[in-house]
Protein backbone atom coordinates (compact mmCIF):
# COMPACT_ATOMS: atom_id res chain seq x y z
CA MET A 1 16.56 -1.28 -23.34
CA ILE A 2 14.52 0.22 -20.50
CA LYS A 3 16.61 2.10 -17.95
CA SER A 4 16.34 0.89 -14.35
CA ILE A 5 14.74 3.99 -12.92
CA ARG A 6 12.04 3.88 -10.28
CA LEU A 7 8.83 5.11 -11.84
CA GLU A 8 6.74 7.72 -10.03
CA ILE A 9 3.84 5.27 -9.67
CA GLN A 10 6.10 2.73 -7.95
CA ASN A 11 7.19 5.32 -5.38
CA VAL A 12 3.59 6.35 -4.58
CA VAL A 13 2.20 2.81 -4.51
CA GLU A 14 4.97 1.46 -2.29
CA LYS A 15 4.19 4.20 0.27
CA ILE A 16 0.53 3.13 0.23
CA LEU A 17 1.49 -0.54 0.62
CA LEU A 18 3.79 0.20 3.56
CA LYS A 19 1.04 2.24 5.26
CA HIS A 20 -1.11 -0.90 5.12
CA ASN A 21 1.74 -3.10 6.41
CA ILE A 22 2.41 -4.78 3.07
CA ASP A 23 6.01 -5.46 2.09
CA PRO A 24 6.28 -4.50 -1.62
CA SER A 25 9.02 -7.09 -2.19
CA VAL A 26 6.94 -10.17 -1.28
CA GLU A 27 5.80 -12.52 -4.04
CA SER A 28 2.10 -11.74 -3.81
CA TYR A 29 -0.24 -9.25 -2.21
CA TYR A 30 -3.65 -7.72 -2.81
CA LEU A 31 -4.86 -4.36 -1.52
CA LYS A 32 -8.21 -2.81 -2.38
CA LEU A 33 -8.87 0.74 -1.21
CA ARG A 34 -12.09 2.69 -1.20
CA MET A 35 -12.59 6.42 -1.03
CA SER A 36 -15.82 8.38 -1.43
CA GLY A 37 -16.24 9.87 -4.88
CA PHE A 38 -13.74 7.56 -6.63
CA ASP A 39 -13.66 4.08 -8.15
CA ASP A 40 -11.84 1.54 -5.97
CA LEU A 41 -8.05 1.54 -6.22
CA VAL A 42 -6.57 -1.95 -6.44
CA ILE A 43 -2.90 -2.80 -6.05
CA GLU A 44 -1.89 -6.42 -6.54
CA LYS A 45 1.13 -8.53 -7.22
CA GLU A 46 1.32 -12.15 -8.26
CA GLY A 47 4.81 -13.43 -8.95
CA GLU A 48 6.58 -10.83 -11.04
CA GLN A 49 3.45 -9.02 -12.28
CA VAL A 50 2.17 -5.89 -10.52
CA LEU A 51 -1.20 -4.32 -11.36
CA VAL A 52 -2.32 -0.88 -10.19
CA GLY A 53 -5.60 0.66 -11.18
CA HIS A 54 -9.19 1.61 -10.72
CA TYR A 55 -12.10 -0.79 -11.00
CA TYR A 56 -15.83 -0.13 -11.20
CA HIS A 57 -18.88 -2.36 -11.39
CA HIS A 58 -20.65 -2.40 -14.75
CA PRO A 59 -24.48 -2.56 -14.59
CA SER A 60 -24.18 -6.17 -15.84
CA GLY A 61 -22.27 -6.97 -12.63
CA ASP A 62 -18.89 -7.31 -14.33
CA LEU A 63 -15.86 -5.71 -12.72
CA ILE A 64 -14.30 -3.30 -15.24
CA SER A 65 -10.75 -1.96 -15.10
CA ASP A 66 -10.23 1.60 -16.20
CA PRO A 67 -7.38 2.18 -16.24
CA VAL A 68 -5.02 -0.47 -14.90
CA LEU A 69 -1.27 -0.27 -15.33
CA ALA A 70 0.59 -3.58 -15.57
CA PHE A 71 4.28 -3.94 -14.70
CA ASP A 72 6.92 -6.63 -14.46
CA HIS A 73 8.70 -6.49 -11.10
CA ASN A 74 12.37 -7.36 -11.43
CA GLY A 75 15.32 -6.47 -9.25
CA GLY A 76 13.32 -3.93 -7.24
CA TYR A 77 12.12 -2.02 -10.33
CA TRP A 78 8.78 -1.94 -12.12
CA TYR A 79 8.98 -2.25 -15.91
CA PRO A 80 6.05 -1.03 -18.06
CA VAL A 81 4.10 -3.85 -19.72
CA ARG A 82 0.66 -2.56 -20.70
CA ILE A 83 -2.19 -0.17 -19.99
CA GLU A 84 -5.58 -1.88 -19.64
CA GLN A 85 -8.54 0.33 -20.46
CA THR A 86 -12.19 -0.18 -21.28
CA LEU A 87 -11.47 0.37 -24.98
CA GLY A 88 -8.59 -2.13 -25.05
CA ASP A 89 -5.04 -2.79 -23.94
CA THR A 90 -1.90 -0.99 -25.07
CA VAL A 91 1.07 -3.37 -24.89
CA CYS A 92 4.37 -1.58 -24.25
CA SER A 93 6.78 -4.43 -23.69
CA PHE A 94 7.01 -8.19 -23.29
CA VAL A 95 9.65 -10.81 -22.62
CA GLU A 96 10.56 -13.27 -25.35
CA ASN A 97 13.31 -15.89 -24.92
CA GLY A 98 14.53 -14.10 -21.79
CA LYS A 99 14.87 -10.73 -23.54
CA ARG A 100 12.60 -7.72 -23.00
CA ILE A 101 11.14 -6.44 -26.26
CA ILE A 102 9.83 -2.86 -26.17
CA TYR A 103 7.77 -0.56 -28.33
CA PRO A 104 9.62 2.76 -27.81
CA GLY A 105 6.68 5.04 -28.67
CA ARG A 106 4.35 3.13 -26.41
CA ILE A 107 6.90 3.12 -23.56
CA LYS A 108 7.12 6.90 -23.83
CA GLU A 109 3.29 7.14 -23.70
CA PHE A 110 3.17 4.71 -20.75
CA LYS A 111 5.75 6.69 -18.76
CA SER A 112 3.82 9.91 -19.30
CA PHE A 113 0.54 8.22 -18.33
CA GLN A 114 2.00 6.65 -15.16
CA ARG A 115 3.34 10.08 -14.09
CA MET A 116 -0.15 11.55 -14.41
CA PHE A 117 -1.70 8.54 -12.65
CA ALA A 118 0.80 8.81 -9.75
CA ARG A 119 0.14 12.54 -9.42
CA ASN A 120 -3.63 11.90 -9.35
CA ILE A 121 -3.28 9.22 -6.66
CA LYS A 122 -1.25 11.65 -4.53
CA GLU A 123 -3.52 14.65 -5.10
CA GLN A 124 -6.70 12.64 -4.48
CA GLY A 125 -5.31 11.60 -1.09
CA TRP A 126 -5.25 7.81 -1.43
CA LEU A 127 -2.27 7.53 0.94
CA GLU A 128 -3.99 9.48 3.70
CA ASN A 129 -7.68 8.64 3.10
CA GLY A 130 -7.91 5.33 1.23
CA VAL A 131 -9.80 2.80 3.37
CA LYS A 132 -8.80 -0.85 3.07
CA VAL A 133 -11.62 -3.08 1.85
CA THR A 134 -11.52 -6.62 3.25
């Protein structure tokens, strides 16, 4: 069972969303931010899935995620689902027959990674300096 604790990344991202007048509790949103020297930061929600991550354009023209953190949004909390990276995805949890199934070692890795990612977003100044791309 995953404890219902707000993750660091959720706290940081919700501040960014509110700055751009996006209610984090709505069913869907999309926010793309640009800042010199960094890959674009994309925050999106569709239904119960939230994605947060960096994207860059591959020379072939493809949009590549590296990394993107995927969460299930339920009851105001974000639950770790997977880390999407260029080299492949790491699945941490999934829902089967209404029950969340977790991989404890991967959840521990995910939580550590999201802490680092949240700290980087704060230190890089995305809240203050990220420019919304329309």
